[in-house]
PDB file of N, CA and C in Angstrom:
ATOM      1  N   MET A   1     174.421   6.506 165.869  1.00  0.00           N
ATOM      2  CA  MET A   1     174.827   7.340 166.093  1.00  0.00           C
ATOM      3  C   MET A   1     176.102   7.394 166.885  1.00  0.00           C
ATOM      4  N   THR A   2     177.521   7.643 166.622  1.00  0.00           N
ATOM      5  CA  THR A   2     178.643   7.757 167.610  1.00  0.00           C
ATOM      6  C   THR A   2     178.556   9.247 168.252  1.00  0.00           C
ATOM      7  N   HIS A   3     178.511   9.225 169.424  1.00  0.00           N
ATOM      8  CA  HIS A   3     178.712  10.283 170.323  1.00  0.00           C
ATOM      9  C   HIS A   3     180.272  10.282 170.244  1.00  0.00           C
ATOM     10  N   LEU A   4     180.648  11.820 170.145  1.00  0.00           N
ATOM     11  CA  LEU A   4     182.017  12.320 169.931  1.00  0.00           C
ATOM     12  C   LEU A   4     182.083  13.159 171.127  1.00  0.00           C
ATOM     13  N   THR A   5     183.450  13.030 171.480  1.00  0.00           N
ATOM     14  CA  THR A   5     184.318  13.616 172.785  1.00  0.00           C
ATOM     15  C   THR A   5     185.129  14.011 172.238  1.00  0.00           C
ATOM     16  N   GLU A   6     185.985  15.024 172.950  1.00  0.00           N
ATOM     17  CA  GLU A   6     187.315  15.338 172.439  1.00  0.00           C
ATOM     18  C   GLU A   6     188.114  14.711 172.512  1.00  0.00           C
ATOM     19  N   ASP A   7     187.949  13.345 172.939  1.00  0.00           N
ATOM     20  CA  ASP A   7     188.900  12.172 172.359  1.00  0.00           C
ATOM     21  C   ASP A   7     188.635  11.243 171.434  1.00  0.00           C
ATOM     22  N   ALA A   8     187.696  11.753 170.689  1.00  0.00           N
ATOM     23  CA  ALA A   8     186.986  10.627 169.628  1.00  0.00           C
ATOM     24  C   ALA A   8     188.033  10.083 169.252  1.00  0.00           C
ATOM     25  N   PHE A   9     188.277   8.821 169.147  1.00  0.00           N
ATOM     26  CA  PHE A   9     189.042   8.212 167.636  1.00  0.00           C
ATOM     27  C   PHE A   9     190.694   8.482 168.008  1.00  0.00           C
ATOM     28  N   SER A  10     190.634   8.329 169.360  1.00  0.00           N
ATOM     29  CA  SER A  10     192.138   8.817 169.473  1.00  0.00           C
ATOM     30  C   SER A  10     193.009   7.993 169.798  1.00  0.00           C
ATOM     31  N   SER A  11     192.634   6.411 169.560  1.00  0.00           N
ATOM     32  CA  SER A  11     193.489   5.210 169.336  1.00  0.00           C
ATOM     33  C   SER A  11     192.971   4.572 167.967  1.00  0.00           C
ATOM     34  N   ILE A  12     193.870   3.572 167.743  1.00  0.00           N
ATOM     35  CA  ILE A  12     193.755   2.306 166.999  1.00  0.00           C
ATOM     36  C   ILE A  12     192.754   2.185 166.866  1.00  0.00           C
ATOM     37  N   ASP A  13     192.271   1.350 168.200  1.00  0.00           N
ATOM     38  CA  ASP A  13     190.777   0.072 168.433  1.00  0.00           C
ATOM     39  C   ASP A  13     189.884   1.370 167.974  1.00  0.00           C
ATOM     40  N   THR A  14     189.877   2.662 168.271  1.00  0.00           N
ATOM     41  CA  THR A  14     188.711   3.540 167.922  1.00  0.00           C
ATOM     42  C   THR A  14     188.779   4.417 166.659  1.00  0.00           C
ATOM     43  N   ALA A  15     189.650   3.532 165.785  1.00  0.00           N
ATOM     44  CA  ALA A  15     189.691   4.469 164.822  1.00  0.00           C
ATOM     45  C   ALA A  15     188.152   4.523 163.674  1.00  0.00           C
ATOM     46  N   LEU A  16     188.104   5.811 163.039  1.00  0.00           N
ATOM     47  CA  LEU A  16     187.273   6.076 162.266  1.00  0.00           C
ATOM     48  C   LEU A  16     187.277   5.609 160.861  1.00  0.00           C
ATOM     49  N   SER A  17     186.093   5.253 160.524  1.00  0.00           N
ATOM     50  CA  SER A  17     186.440   4.800 159.167  1.00  0.00           C
ATOM     51  C   SER A  17     186.199   5.480 158.020  1.00  0.00           C
ATOM     52  N   VAL A  18     186.958   5.853 157.368  1.00  0.00           N
ATOM     53  CA  VAL A  18     186.544   7.263 156.078  1.00  0.00           C
ATOM     54  C   VAL A  18     186.862   6.406 154.801  1.00  0.00           C
ATOM     55  N   GLY A  19     186.448   7.356 153.718  1.00  0.00           N
ATOM     56  CA  GLY A  19     186.310   7.077 152.247  1.00  0.00           C
ATOM     57  C   GLY A  19     188.208   7.985 151.647  1.00  0.00           C
ATOM     58  N   SER A  20     188.600   8.943 152.345  1.00  0.00           N
ATOM     59  CA  SER A  20     189.462   9.339 151.661  1.00  0.00           C
ATOM     60  C   SER A  20     190.353   9.893 152.755  1.00  0.00           C
ATOM     61  N   VAL A  21     191.537  10.289 152.113  1.00  0.00           N
ATOM     62  CA  VAL A  21     192.263  11.442 153.122  1.00  0.00           C
ATOM     63  C   VAL A  21     191.651  13.227 153.340  1.00  0.00           C
ATOM     64  N   SER A  22     191.038  13.567 152.214  1.00  0.00           N
ATOM     65  CA  SER A  22     190.403  14.929 152.456  1.00  0.00           C
ATOM     66  C   SER A  22     189.502  14.409 153.451  1.00  0.00           C
ATOM     67  N   GLU A  23     188.734  13.667 153.690  1.00  0.00           N
ATOM     68  CA  GLU A  23     187.991  13.437 154.614  1.00  0.00           C
ATOM     69  C   GLU A  23     188.574  13.385 156.028  1.00  0.00           C
ATOM     70  N   GLU A  24     189.645  12.996 156.318  1.00  0.00           N
ATOM     71  CA  GLU A  24     190.302  12.877 157.285  1.00  0.00           C
ATOM     72  C   GLU A  24     190.487  14.297 157.946  1.00  0.00           C
ATOM     73  N   TYR A  25     190.934  15.002 156.609  1.00  0.00           N
ATOM     74  CA  TYR A  25     191.592  16.131 157.198  1.00  0.00           C
ATOM     75  C   TYR A  25     190.420  17.298 157.484  1.00  0.00           C
ATOM     76  N   GLU A  26     189.400  17.170 156.984  1.00  0.00           N
ATOM     77  CA  GLU A  26     188.435  18.037 157.160  1.00  0.00           C
ATOM     78  C   GLU A  26     187.676  17.608 158.496  1.00  0.00           C
ATOM     79  N   TRP A  27     187.530  16.067 159.068  1.00  0.00           N
ATOM     80  CA  TRP A  27     187.252  15.574 160.144  1.00  0.00           C
ATOM     81  C   TRP A  27     187.825  16.343 161.748  1.00  0.00           C
ATOM     82  N   VAL A  28     189.553  16.189 161.282  1.00  0.00           N
ATOM     83  CA  VAL A  28     190.025  16.875 162.508  1.00  0.00           C
ATOM     84  C   VAL A  28     189.923  18.562 162.538  1.00  0.00           C
ATOM     85  N   ALA A  29     189.834  19.037 161.253  1.00  0.00           N
ATOM     86  CA  ALA A  29     189.610  20.659 161.385  1.00  0.00           C
ATOM     87  C   ALA A  29     188.166  21.207 161.775  1.00  0.00           C
ATOM     88  N   ARG A  30     187.148  20.123 161.574  1.00  0.00           N
ATOM     89  CA  ARG A  30     186.024  20.256 162.593  1.00  0.00           C
ATOM     90  C   ARG A  30     186.006  20.303 163.920  1.00  0.00           C
ATOM     91  N   HIS A  31     186.569  18.974 164.164  1.00  0.00           N
ATOM     92  CA  HIS A  31     187.203  18.445 165.879  1.00  0.00           C
ATOM     93  C   HIS A  31     187.604  19.547 166.416  1.00  0.00           C
ATOM     94  N   ALA A  32     189.035  20.055 165.798  1.00  0.00           N
ATOM     95  CA  ALA A  32     189.550  21.024 166.183  1.00  0.00           C
ATOM     96  C   ALA A  32     188.916  22.122 166.765  1.00  0.00           C
ATOM     97  N   GLU A  33     188.026  23.002 165.626  1.00  0.00           N
ATOM     98  CA  GLU A  33     187.488  23.747 165.841  1.00  0.00           C
ATOM     99  C   GLU A  33     185.849  23.778 167.028  1.00  0.00           C
ATOM    100  N   ILE A  34     185.231  22.775 167.061  1.00  0.00           N
ATOM    101  CA  ILE A  34     184.373  22.473 168.048  1.00  0.00           C
ATOM    102  C   ILE A  34     184.944  22.283 169.318  1.00  0.00           C
ATOM    103  N   TYR A  35     186.051  21.537 169.822  1.00  0.00           N
ATOM    104  CA  TYR A  35     186.527  21.118 171.128  1.00  0.00           C
ATOM    105  C   TYR A  35     187.547  22.377 171.449  1.00  0.00           C
ATOM    106  N   PHE A  36     188.397  22.445 170.617  1.00  0.00           N
ATOM    107  CA  PHE A  36     189.459  23.681 171.108  1.00  0.00           C
ATOM    108  C   PHE A  36     189.877  24.963 170.634  1.00  0.00           C
ATOM    109  N   GLY A  37     188.516  25.441 169.773  1.00  0.00           N
ATOM    110  CA  GLY A  37     188.413  26.674 169.373  1.00  0.00           C
ATOM    111  C   GLY A  37     189.609  27.096 168.388  1.00  0.00           C
ATOM    112  N   MET A  38     189.988  26.254 167.838  1.00  0.00           N
ATOM    113  CA  MET A  38     191.008  25.978 166.620  1.00  0.00           C
ATOM    114  C   MET A  38     190.396  26.559 165.212  1.00  0.00           C
ATOM    115  N   HIS A  39     191.124  27.417 164.773  1.00  0.00           N
ATOM    116  CA  HIS A  39     190.440  27.646 163.174  1.00  0.00           C
ATOM    117  C   HIS A  39     191.208  27.118 162.038  1.00  0.00           C
ATOM    118  N   ASP A  40     190.797  26.527 161.218  1.00  0.00           N
ATOM    119  CA  ASP A  40     191.898  26.140 159.765  1.00  0.00           C
ATOM    120  C   ASP A  40     193.119  25.199 160.326  1.00  0.00           C
ATOM    121  N   ALA A  41     192.723  24.113 161.504  1.00  0.00           N
ATOM    122  CA  ALA A  41     193.505  23.114 161.942  1.00  0.00           C
ATOM    123  C   ALA A  41     194.084  22.619 160.925  1.00  0.00           C
ATOM    124  N   PHE A  42     195.552  22.338 161.217  1.00  0.00           N
ATOM    125  CA  PHE A  42     196.006  21.142 160.075  1.00  0.00           C
ATOM    126  C   PHE A  42     197.173  20.471 160.846  1.00  0.00           C
ATOM    127  N   PRO A  43     196.815  18.991 160.419  1.00  0.00           N
ATOM    128  CA  PRO A  43     197.771  18.398 161.490  1.00  0.00           C
ATOM    129  C   PRO A  43     199.204  18.194 160.962  1.00  0.00           C
ATOM    130  N   THR A  44     199.945  18.140 161.717  1.00  0.00           N
ATOM    131  CA  THR A  44     201.549  18.504 161.948  1.00  0.00           C
ATOM    132  C   THR A  44     202.344  17.272 161.392  1.00  0.00           C
ATOM    133  N   LYS A  45     201.601  16.295 161.995  1.00  0.00           N
ATOM    134  CA  LYS A  45     202.219  14.872 161.121  1.00  0.00           C
ATOM    135  C   LYS A  45     201.369  13.773 161.019  1.00  0.00           C
ATOM    136  N   GLN A  46     201.764  13.146 160.086  1.00  0.00           N
ATOM    137  CA  GLN A  46     200.548  11.712 159.365  1.00  0.00           C
ATOM    138  C   GLN A  46     201.434  10.503 159.512  1.00  0.00           C
ATOM    139  N   ARG A  47     201.237   9.437 159.664  1.00  0.00           N
ATOM    140  CA  ARG A  47     201.742   8.184 159.368  1.00  0.00           C
ATOM    141  C   ARG A  47     200.925   7.087 159.462  1.00  0.00           C
ATOM    142  N   LEU A  48     201.307   6.239 158.737  1.00  0.00           N
ATOM    143  CA  LEU A  48     200.558   5.121 157.860  1.00  0.00           C
ATOM    144  C   LEU A  48     201.066   3.903 158.661  1.00  0.00           C
ATOM    145  N   VAL A  49     199.941   3.164 159.319  1.00  0.00           N
ATOM    146  CA  VAL A  49     200.219   1.973 160.364  1.00  0.00           C
ATOM    147  C   VAL A  49     199.218   0.843 159.570  1.00  0.00           C
ATOM    148  N   ILE A  50     199.694  -0.156 159.118  1.00  0.00           N
ATOM    149  CA  ILE A  50     198.935  -1.443 159.194  1.00  0.00           C
ATOM    150  C   ILE A  50     199.227  -2.288 160.035  1.00  0.00           C
ATOM    151  N   ARG A  51     197.880  -3.150 160.469  1.00  0.00           N
ATOM    152  CA  ARG A  51     197.884  -3.449 161.734  1.00  0.00           C
ATOM    153  C   ARG A  51     196.495  -5.322 161.419  1.00  0.00           C
ATOM    154  N   GLU A  52     197.182  -6.002 161.026  1.00  0.00           N
ATOM    155  CA  GLU A  52     195.999  -7.213 161.106  1.00  0.00           C
ATOM    156  C   GLU A  52     195.517  -6.923 159.557  1.00  0.00           C
ATOM    157  N   GLU A  53     196.315  -6.915 158.181  1.00  0.00           N
ATOM    158  CA  GLU A  53     195.611  -6.366 157.292  1.00  0.00           C
ATOM    159  C   GLU A  53     194.799  -5.678 157.073  1.00  0.00           C
ATOM    160  N   ARG A  54     194.465  -4.671 157.769  1.00  0.00           N
ATOM    161  CA  ARG A  54     194.130  -3.094 157.895  1.00  0.00           C
ATOM    162  C   ARG A  54     195.019  -2.143 157.837  1.00  0.00           C
ATOM    163  N   ALA A  55     194.407  -0.979 157.013  1.00  0.00           N
ATOM    164  CA  ALA A  55     195.166   0.111 157.035  1.00  0.00           C
ATOM    165  C   ALA A  55     194.847   1.321 157.843  1.00  0.00           C
ATOM    166  N   TYR A  56     195.521   2.134 158.471  1.00  0.00           N
ATOM    167  CA  TYR A  56     195.155   3.549 159.232  1.00  0.00           C
ATOM    168  C   TYR A  56     196.358   4.277 158.852  1.00  0.00           C
ATOM    169  N   ASP A  57     195.653   5.494 159.170  1.00  0.00           N
ATOM    170  CA  ASP A  57     196.322   6.748 159.314  1.00  0.00           C
ATOM    171  C   ASP A  57     196.373   7.188 160.380  1.00  0.00           C
ATOM    172  N   GLN A  58     197.577   7.721 161.362  1.00  0.00           N
ATOM    173  CA  GLN A  58     197.468   8.266 162.308  1.00  0.00           C
ATOM    174  C   GLN A  58     197.929   9.727 162.104  1.00  0.00           C
ATOM    175  N   LEU A  59     196.888  10.735 162.580  1.00  0.00           N
ATOM    176  CA  LEU A  59     196.969  11.912 162.664  1.00  0.00           C
ATOM    177  C   LEU A  59     197.204  12.647 163.611  1.00  0.00           C
ATOM    178  N   LEU A  60     198.551  13.646 164.130  1.00  0.00           N
ATOM    179  CA  LEU A  60     199.019  13.994 164.917  1.00  0.00           C
ATOM    180  C   LEU A  60     198.627  15.804 164.678  1.00  0.00           C
ATOM    181  N   LEU A  61     197.604  16.747 165.755  1.00  0.00           N
ATOM    182  CA  LEU A  61     197.590  18.057 165.718  1.00  0.00           C
ATOM    183  C   LEU A  61     197.897  18.290 167.396  1.00  0.00           C
ATOM    184  N   GLU A  62     199.062  19.518 166.766  1.00  0.00           N
ATOM    185  CA  GLU A  62     199.015  20.030 168.021  1.00  0.00           C
ATOM    186  C   GLU A  62     198.421  21.077 168.432  1.00  0.00           C
ATOM    187  N   VAL A  63     198.054  21.183 169.833  1.00  0.00           N
ATOM    188  CA  VAL A  63     196.508  22.086 170.679  1.00  0.00           C
ATOM    189  C   VAL A  63     197.362  22.748 171.336  1.00  0.00           C
ATOM    190  N   PRO A  64     197.612  23.908 171.256  1.00  0.00           N
ATOM    191  CA  PRO A  64     197.862  25.375 171.853  1.00  0.00           C
ATOM    192  C   PRO A  64     197.416  25.290 173.536  1.00  0.00           C
ATOM    193  N   ASP A  65     198.077  25.307 174.498  1.00  0.00           N
ATOM    194  CA  ASP A  65     197.812  24.654 176.262  1.00  0.00           C
ATOM    195  C   ASP A  65     197.623  23.495 176.292  1.00  0.00           C
ATOM    196  N   ILE A  66     197.536  22.562 175.427  1.00  0.00           N
ATOM    197  CA  ILE A  66     196.931  20.892 175.881  1.00  0.00           C
ATOM    198  C   ILE A  66     197.564  20.353 175.128  1.00  0.00           C
ATOM    199  N   GLY A  67     198.950  20.484 174.304  1.00  0.00           N
ATOM    200  CA  GLY A  67     199.757  19.620 173.589  1.00  0.00           C
ATOM    201  C   GLY A  67     199.269  18.749 172.460  1.00  0.00           C
ATOM    202  N   ILE A  68     199.637  17.541 172.419  1.00  0.00           N
ATOM    203  CA  ILE A  68     199.331  16.857 170.908  1.00  0.00           C
ATOM    204  C   ILE A  68     198.314  15.822 170.962  1.00  0.00           C
ATOM    205  N   ARG A  69     197.269  16.217 170.031  1.00  0.00           N
ATOM    206  CA  ARG A  69     195.984  15.210 170.324  1.00  0.00           C
ATOM    207  C   ARG A  69     196.355  14.188 169.106  1.00  0.00           C
ATOM    208  N   GLU A  70     195.825  13.132 169.306  1.00  0.00           N
ATOM    209  CA  GLU A  70     196.185  12.153 168.017  1.00  0.00           C
ATOM    210  C   GLU A  70     194.780  11.505 167.494  1.00  0.00           C
ATOM    211  N   TYR A  71     194.507  11.411 166.531  1.00  0.00           N
ATOM    212  CA  TYR A  71     193.221  10.560 165.600  1.00  0.00           C
ATOM    213  C   TYR A  71     193.496   9.568 164.708  1.00  0.00           C
ATOM    214  N   TRP A  72     193.000   9.026 164.474  1.00  0.00           N
ATOM    215  CA  TRP A  72     192.996   7.605 164.081  1.00  0.00           C
ATOM    216  C   TRP A  72     191.846   7.212 163.385  1.00  0.00           C
ATOM    217  N   PHE A  73     192.564   6.971 161.708  1.00  0.00           N
ATOM    218  CA  PHE A  73     191.891   6.433 160.426  1.00  0.00           C
ATOM    219  C   PHE A  73     191.454   5.502 160.201  1.00  0.00           C
ATOM    220  N   ASP A  74     190.464   4.854 159.821  1.00  0.00           N
ATOM    221  CA  ASP A  74     190.810   3.621 159.285  1.00  0.00           C
ATOM    222  C   ASP A  74     190.557   3.663 157.571  1.00  0.00           C
ATOM    223  N   ILE A  75     191.687   3.430 157.039  1.00  0.00           N
ATOM    224  CA  ILE A  75     191.553   4.072 155.669  1.00  0.00           C
ATOM    225  C   ILE A  75     191.571   2.930 154.641  1.00  0.00           C
ATOM    226  N   SER A  76     191.206   1.506 155.527  1.00  0.00           N
ATOM    227  CA  SER A  76     191.383   0.098 154.258  1.00  0.00           C
ATOM    228  C   SER A  76     190.642   0.028 152.988  1.00  0.00           C
ATOM    229  N   SER A  77     189.498   0.980 152.989  1.00  0.00           N
ATOM    230  CA  SER A  77     188.363   1.137 151.960  1.00  0.00           C
ATOM    231  C   SER A  77     189.313   1.877 150.584  1.00  0.00           C
ATOM    232  N   PHE A  78     190.237   2.421 150.727  1.00  0.00           N
ATOM    233  CA  PHE A  78     190.597   3.008 149.370  1.00  0.00           C
ATOM    234  C   PHE A  78     192.148   2.866 149.929  1.00  0.00           C
ATOM    235  N   TYR A  79     193.165   2.578 150.389  1.00  0.00           N
ATOM    236  CA  TYR A  79     194.562   2.222 150.511  1.00  0.00           C
ATOM    237  C   TYR A  79     195.142   0.381 149.838  1.00  0.00           C
ATOM    238  N   GLN A  80     195.624   1.388 148.973  1.00  0.00           N
ATOM    239  CA  GLN A  80     196.300  -0.130 148.228  1.00  0.00           C
ATOM    240  C   GLN A  80     197.514  -0.383 148.309  1.00  0.00           C
TER     241      GLN A  80
END
């Protein structure tokens, strides 16, 4: 089991493997609520990164009084 912290999946090297884009957004919303008390959080930016034949999504979330948090997801299982 992965131990989650507020910095979970904050780099491409620690990206969370997911099965869909909606799973990414659900994970960010849950994480933002647990760690930052944000309800209905929605990423402000998303970008695709290809590295070593793997596909990743980087999602950025603006957290009041903290700043930008970044989350990385490995989307290689469904990205074509």
